[in-house]
Amino acid sequence: KSLLSADAGAPPERGPRSTLFPREIPPVHDGYVRPQGLKRPELASREDTSIDRALQYLATDSRGHGALLSAYQRSGQHRDEVDRILRAWKIPTELAAVAYLESAFVPTASSLDGGAGLWSLTLDVARGYNLAILPKYDERRSVALSTEAAAHYLADLHERFGSWELALFAFGTGYGRAMAALTK
């Protein structure tokens, strides 16, 4: 079955995991030079070797580079619709990168935390934004419906936290964990 042909009718069983990153990213090799011109957002401004490891993997490792190119090619099938929905919610279209990281643009992807779909929405977030999740029907696997829910969620997080960096932090860690971390 093609990974690209699934829609909301796909059963909610575990689909393929994101193929962008393996569980363990290889360490930075001695000859690696950080790409010039990349600016890290404020939340990632500290030196973090995991960022360099991920960049090196995607740019120089044949598996990482191939996975990135495959995700980019898959994104072309859905990118117009994703960008249209993000713009409608006044979300920067650059945040479509979340779908690259969460699912490598595979609508049937599943994550270890129970997230599913392009945006790897968890059950509580999906239900909170009125997506149907039934034994044989999971709207998280619909590109349009999951993007609509993800955009609404990102807009809500941006309104609550006041910045896109913090909204992304909360999207990735969960609202409760983000609030607890910020309270500390």
C-alpha atoms as a PDB file:
ATOM      1  CA  LYS A   1       0.000   0.000   0.000  1.00  0.00           C
ATOM      2  CA  SER A   2       1.391   3.395  -0.917  1.00  0.00           C
ATOM      3  CA  LEU A   3       2.238   5.695   1.985  1.00  0.00           C
ATOM      4  CA  LEU A   4       1.009   8.601  -0.076  1.00  0.00           C
ATOM      5  CA  SER A   5      -2.480   7.367  -0.856  1.00  0.00           C
ATOM      6  CA  ALA A   6      -3.843   7.137   2.687  1.00  0.00           C
ATOM      7  CA  ASP A   7      -6.565   9.474   3.893  1.00  0.00           C
ATOM      8  CA  ALA A   8      -8.713   9.924   6.965  1.00  0.00           C
ATOM      9  CA  GLY A   9     -10.277   6.531   6.330  1.00  0.00           C
ATOM     10  CA  ALA A  10      -7.034   4.819   7.243  1.00  0.00           C
ATOM     11  CA  PRO A  11      -7.427   2.775  10.412  1.00  0.00           C
ATOM     12  CA  PRO A  12      -5.775   4.215  13.505  1.00  0.00           C
ATOM     13  CA  GLU A  13      -3.407   1.271  13.957  1.00  0.00           C
ATOM     14  CA  ARG A  14       0.245   2.157  14.077  1.00  0.00           C
ATOM     15  CA  GLY A  15       1.413   3.378  10.709  1.00  0.00           C
ATOM     16  CA  PRO A  16       4.997   3.846   9.589  1.00  0.00           C
ATOM     17  CA  ARG A  17       7.214   5.952  11.792  1.00  0.00           C
ATOM     18  CA  SER A  18       8.789   9.098  10.452  1.00  0.00           C
ATOM     19  CA  THR A  19      11.747   8.196   8.279  1.00  0.00           C
ATOM     20  CA  LEU A  20      13.573  11.519   8.594  1.00  0.00           C
ATOM     21  CA  PHE A  21      15.678  10.656  11.659  1.00  0.00           C
ATOM     22  CA  PRO A  22      16.771   7.301  13.040  1.00  0.00           C
ATOM     23  CA  ARG A  23      16.491   6.670  16.795  1.00  0.00           C
ATOM     24  CA  GLU A  24      20.190   7.427  17.195  1.00  0.00           C
ATOM     25  CA  ILE A  25      21.741  10.133  15.067  1.00  0.00           C
ATOM     26  CA  PRO A  26      25.445   9.475  14.417  1.00  0.00           C
ATOM     27  CA  PRO A  27      27.875  11.767  16.278  1.00  0.00           C
ATOM     28  CA  VAL A  28      29.370  14.782  14.529  1.00  0.00           C
ATOM     29  CA  HIS A  29      32.502  13.711  12.668  1.00  0.00           C
ATOM     30  CA  ASP A  30      35.763  15.629  12.890  1.00  0.00           C
ATOM     31  CA  GLY A  31      35.522  17.255   9.471  1.00  0.00           C
ATOM     32  CA  TYR A  32      32.027  18.680   9.996  1.00  0.00           C
ATOM     33  CA  VAL A  33      31.705  22.440   9.608  1.00  0.00           C
ATOM     34  CA  ARG A  34      28.458  24.114  10.660  1.00  0.00           C
ATOM     35  CA  PRO A  35      26.721  25.632   7.603  1.00  0.00           C
ATOM     36  CA  GLN A  36      27.270  29.376   7.428  1.00  0.00           C
ATOM     37  CA  GLY A  37      24.301  31.709   7.349  1.00  0.00           C
ATOM     38  CA  LEU A  38      21.981  29.560   9.461  1.00  0.00           C
ATOM     39  CA  LYS A  39      20.551  31.570  12.317  1.00  0.00           C
ATOM     40  CA  ARG A  40      19.288  29.746  15.355  1.00  0.00           C
ATOM     41  CA  PRO A  41      16.151  31.034  17.051  1.00  0.00           C
ATOM     42  CA  GLU A  42      16.482  32.352  20.575  1.00  0.00           C
ATOM     43  CA  LEU A  43      15.395  29.048  22.153  1.00  0.00           C
ATOM     44  CA  ALA A  44      18.141  27.193  20.267  1.00  0.00           C
ATOM     45  CA  SER A  45      20.831  29.868  20.544  1.00  0.00           C
ATOM     46  CA  ARG A  46      22.815  27.928  23.109  1.00  0.00           C
ATOM     47  CA  GLU A  47      25.409  25.553  21.779  1.00  0.00           C
ATOM     48  CA  ASP A  48      23.622  22.254  21.310  1.00  0.00           C
ATOM     49  CA  THR A  49      25.494  19.398  19.684  1.00  0.00           C
ATOM     50  CA  SER A  50      22.222  17.597  18.886  1.00  0.00           C
ATOM     51  CA  ILE A  51      21.375  20.383  16.409  1.00  0.00           C
ATOM     52  CA  ASP A  52      24.754  20.013  14.724  1.00  0.00           C
ATOM     53  CA  ARG A  53      24.370  16.223  14.685  1.00  0.00           C
ATOM     54  CA  ALA A  54      20.961  16.496  13.007  1.00  0.00           C
ATOM     55  CA  LEU A  55      22.222  19.029  10.451  1.00  0.00           C
ATOM     56  CA  GLN A  56      25.259  16.896   9.636  1.00  0.00           C
ATOM     57  CA  TYR A  57      23.088  13.780   9.298  1.00  0.00           C
ATOM     58  CA  LEU A  58      20.671  15.454   6.894  1.00  0.00           C
ATOM     59  CA  ALA A  59      23.367  17.218   4.865  1.00  0.00           C
ATOM     60  CA  THR A  60      26.168  14.674   4.631  1.00  0.00           C
ATOM     61  CA  ASP A  61      24.957  11.173   5.548  1.00  0.00           C
ATOM     62  CA  SER A  62      23.537   9.393   2.505  1.00  0.00           C
ATOM     63  CA  ARG A  63      20.632   7.936   4.531  1.00  0.00           C
ATOM     64  CA  GLY A  64      19.788  11.292   6.100  1.00  0.00           C
ATOM     65  CA  HIS A  65      20.123  13.164   2.842  1.00  0.00           C
ATOM     66  CA  GLY A  66      17.962  10.584   1.058  1.00  0.00           C
ATOM     67  CA  ALA A  67      15.295  10.758   3.783  1.00  0.00           C
ATOM     68  CA  LEU A  68      15.245  14.554   3.564  1.00  0.00           C
ATOM     69  CA  LEU A  69      14.877  14.467  -0.230  1.00  0.00           C
ATOM     70  CA  SER A  70      12.089  11.870   0.013  1.00  0.00           C
ATOM     71  CA  ALA A  71      10.220  13.995   2.550  1.00  0.00           C
ATOM     72  CA  TYR A  72      10.658  17.043   0.344  1.00  0.00           C
ATOM     73  CA  GLN A  73       9.283  15.164  -2.674  1.00  0.00           C
ATOM     74  CA  ARG A  74       6.305  13.875  -0.637  1.00  0.00           C
ATOM     75  CA  SER A  75       5.604  17.378   0.640  1.00  0.00           C
ATOM     76  CA  GLY A  76       4.986  18.579  -2.907  1.00  0.00           C
ATOM     77  CA  GLN A  77       1.830  16.513  -3.016  1.00  0.00           C
ATOM     78  CA  HIS A  78       0.336  18.362  -0.021  1.00  0.00           C
ATOM     79  CA  ARG A  79       2.238  21.617   0.352  1.00  0.00           C
ATOM     80  CA  ASP A  80      -0.243  23.912  -1.462  1.00  0.00           C
ATOM     81  CA  GLU A  81      -3.089  22.731   0.768  1.00  0.00           C
ATOM     82  CA  VAL A  82      -0.971  22.900   3.939  1.00  0.00           C
ATOM     83  CA  ASP A  83       0.265  26.417   3.118  1.00  0.00           C
ATOM     84  CA  ARG A  84      -3.271  27.620   2.280  1.00  0.00           C
ATOM     85  CA  ILE A  85      -4.579  26.425   5.650  1.00  0.00           C
ATOM     86  CA  LEU A  86      -1.619  27.870   7.559  1.00  0.00           C
ATOM     87  CA  ARG A  87      -2.107  31.252   5.866  1.00  0.00           C
ATOM     88  CA  ALA A  88      -5.822  31.183   6.697  1.00  0.00           C
ATOM     89  CA  TRP A  89      -4.904  30.833  10.386  1.00  0.00           C
ATOM     90  CA  LYS A  90      -2.163  33.487  10.040  1.00  0.00           C
ATOM     91  CA  ILE A  91       0.519  30.899  10.765  1.00  0.00           C
ATOM     92  CA  PRO A  92       3.909  31.441   9.069  1.00  0.00           C
ATOM     93  CA  THR A  93       4.105  28.911   6.234  1.00  0.00           C
ATOM     94  CA  GLU A  94       7.658  28.104   7.367  1.00  0.00           C
ATOM     95  CA  LEU A  95       6.015  26.173  10.194  1.00  0.00           C
ATOM     96  CA  ALA A  96       5.119  23.492   7.651  1.00  0.00           C
ATOM     97  CA  ALA A  97       8.609  22.313   8.655  1.00  0.00           C
ATOM     98  CA  VAL A  98       6.917  20.796  11.726  1.00  0.00           C
ATOM     99  CA  ALA A  99       5.267  18.253   9.421  1.00  0.00           C
ATOM    100  CA  TYR A 100       8.693  17.403   7.981  1.00  0.00           C
ATOM    101  CA  LEU A 101      10.039  16.694  11.449  1.00  0.00           C
ATOM    102  CA  GLU A 102       6.969  14.998  12.876  1.00  0.00           C
ATOM    103  CA  SER A 103       6.110  12.677   9.986  1.00  0.00           C
ATOM    104  CA  ALA A 104       8.493  13.307   7.059  1.00  0.00           C
ATOM    105  CA  PHE A 105       5.239  14.334   5.322  1.00  0.00           C
ATOM    106  CA  VAL A 106       3.768  10.813   5.608  1.00  0.00           C
ATOM    107  CA  PRO A 107       0.034  11.232   6.424  1.00  0.00           C
ATOM    108  CA  THR A 108      -0.172   7.707   7.889  1.00  0.00           C
ATOM    109  CA  ALA A 109       2.843   8.092  10.201  1.00  0.00           C
ATOM    110  CA  SER A 110       2.577   7.196  13.890  1.00  0.00           C
ATOM    111  CA  SER A 111       4.790   8.272  16.755  1.00  0.00           C
ATOM    112  CA  LEU A 112       5.815   6.448  19.905  1.00  0.00           C
ATOM    113  CA  ASP A 113       3.689   8.805  22.053  1.00  0.00           C
ATOM    114  CA  GLY A 114       0.497   7.855  20.208  1.00  0.00           C
ATOM    115  CA  GLY A 115       0.555  10.809  17.834  1.00  0.00           C
ATOM    116  CA  ALA A 116      -0.557  10.204  14.279  1.00  0.00           C
ATOM    117  CA  GLY A 117      -0.720  11.852  10.906  1.00  0.00           C
ATOM    118  CA  LEU A 118       1.199  14.613   9.188  1.00  0.00           C
ATOM    119  CA  TRP A 119       1.436  16.696  12.388  1.00  0.00           C
ATOM    120  CA  SER A 120       1.684  13.748  14.805  1.00  0.00           C
ATOM    121  CA  LEU A 121      -1.308  14.994  16.770  1.00  0.00           C
ATOM    122  CA  THR A 122      -1.913  13.194  20.058  1.00  0.00           C
ATOM    123  CA  LEU A 123      -5.352  11.879  20.974  1.00  0.00           C
ATOM    124  CA  ASP A 124      -6.081  14.678  23.435  1.00  0.00           C
ATOM    125  CA  VAL A 125      -5.099  17.455  21.013  1.00  0.00           C
ATOM    126  CA  ALA A 126      -6.981  15.838  18.122  1.00  0.00           C
ATOM    127  CA  ARG A 127     -10.125  15.400  20.192  1.00  0.00           C
ATOM    128  CA  GLY A 128      -9.739  18.906  21.632  1.00  0.00           C
ATOM    129  CA  TYR A 129      -9.880  20.258  18.079  1.00  0.00           C
ATOM    130  CA  ASN A 130     -12.824  18.056  17.106  1.00  0.00           C
ATOM    131  CA  LEU A 131     -11.115  15.412  14.994  1.00  0.00           C
ATOM    132  CA  ALA A 132     -12.925  12.068  14.901  1.00  0.00           C
ATOM    133  CA  ILE A 133     -10.909   9.077  16.062  1.00  0.00           C
ATOM    134  CA  LEU A 134     -12.818   5.839  15.706  1.00  0.00           C
ATOM    135  CA  PRO A 135     -11.693   2.210  15.386  1.00  0.00           C
ATOM    136  CA  LYS A 136     -11.719   2.317  11.564  1.00  0.00           C
ATOM    137  CA  TYR A 137     -11.549   6.059  10.926  1.00  0.00           C
ATOM    138  CA  ASP A 138      -8.957   8.561  12.159  1.00  0.00           C
ATOM    139  CA  GLU A 139      -9.139  12.146  10.912  1.00  0.00           C
ATOM    140  CA  ARG A 140      -5.556  12.779  12.040  1.00  0.00           C
ATOM    141  CA  ARG A 141      -4.580  10.943   8.840  1.00  0.00           C
ATOM    142  CA  SER A 142      -6.418  13.460   6.638  1.00  0.00           C
ATOM    143  CA  VAL A 143      -3.995  16.097   5.397  1.00  0.00           C
ATOM    144  CA  ALA A 144      -6.638  18.852   5.326  1.00  0.00           C
ATOM    145  CA  LEU A 145      -8.371  18.031   8.616  1.00  0.00           C
ATOM    146  CA  SER A 146      -5.165  17.442  10.585  1.00  0.00           C
ATOM    147  CA  THR A 147      -3.579  20.599   9.177  1.00  0.00           C
ATOM    148  CA  GLU A 148      -6.682  22.583  10.124  1.00  0.00           C
ATOM    149  CA  ALA A 149      -6.469  21.224  13.692  1.00  0.00           C
ATOM    150  CA  ALA A 150      -2.691  21.761  13.900  1.00  0.00           C
ATOM    151  CA  ALA A 151      -3.008  25.335  12.612  1.00  0.00           C
ATOM    152  CA  HIS A 152      -5.793  26.110  15.108  1.00  0.00           C
ATOM    153  CA  TYR A 153      -3.681  24.586  17.919  1.00  0.00           C
ATOM    154  CA  LEU A 154      -0.584  26.572  16.861  1.00  0.00           C
ATOM    155  CA  ALA A 155      -2.637  29.783  16.689  1.00  0.00           C
ATOM    156  CA  ASP A 156      -3.985  29.117  20.197  1.00  0.00           C
ATOM    157  CA  LEU A 157      -0.485  28.381  21.529  1.00  0.00           C
ATOM    158  CA  HIS A 158       0.891  31.526  19.902  1.00  0.00           C
ATOM    159  CA  GLU A 159      -1.853  33.594  21.504  1.00  0.00           C
ATOM    160  CA  ARG A 160      -1.192  32.058  24.935  1.00  0.00           C
ATOM    161  CA  PHE A 161       2.609  32.187  24.867  1.00  0.00           C
ATOM    162  CA  GLY A 162       3.159  35.297  22.742  1.00  0.00           C
ATOM    163  CA  SER A 163       5.876  33.956  20.432  1.00  0.00           C
ATOM    164  CA  TRP A 164       6.244  31.345  17.725  1.00  0.00           C
ATOM    165  CA  GLU A 165       9.280  29.854  19.462  1.00  0.00           C
ATOM    166  CA  LEU A 166       7.296  29.168  22.625  1.00  0.00           C
ATOM    167  CA  ALA A 167       4.277  28.001  20.620  1.00  0.00           C
ATOM    168  CA  LEU A 168       6.513  25.459  18.866  1.00  0.00           C
ATOM    169  CA  PHE A 169       8.012  24.410  22.192  1.00  0.00           C
ATOM    170  CA  ALA A 170       4.505  23.781  23.550  1.00  0.00           C
ATOM    171  CA  PHE A 171       3.433  22.005  20.337  1.00  0.00           C
ATOM    172  CA  GLY A 172       6.364  19.616  20.669  1.00  0.00           C
ATOM    173  CA  THR A 173       6.295  19.016  24.414  1.00  0.00           C
ATOM    174  CA  GLY A 174       2.625  19.513  25.189  1.00  0.00           C
ATOM    175  CA  TYR A 175       0.865  22.466  26.738  1.00  0.00           C
ATOM    176  CA  GLY A 176       1.114  21.186  30.335  1.00  0.00           C
ATOM    177  CA  ARG A 177       4.828  20.434  30.137  1.00  0.00           C
ATOM    178  CA  ALA A 178       5.507  23.770  28.468  1.00  0.00           C
ATOM    179  CA  MET A 179       3.639  25.629  31.217  1.00  0.00           C
ATOM    180  CA  ALA A 180       5.523  23.673  33.902  1.00  0.00           C
ATOM    181  CA  ALA A 181       8.879  24.390  32.243  1.00  0.00           C
ATOM    182  CA  LEU A 182       8.112  28.096  31.888  1.00  0.00           C
ATOM    183  CA  THR A 183       6.897  28.295  35.489  1.00  0.00           C
ATOM    184  CA  LYS A 184      10.273  26.980  36.675  1.00  0.00           C
END
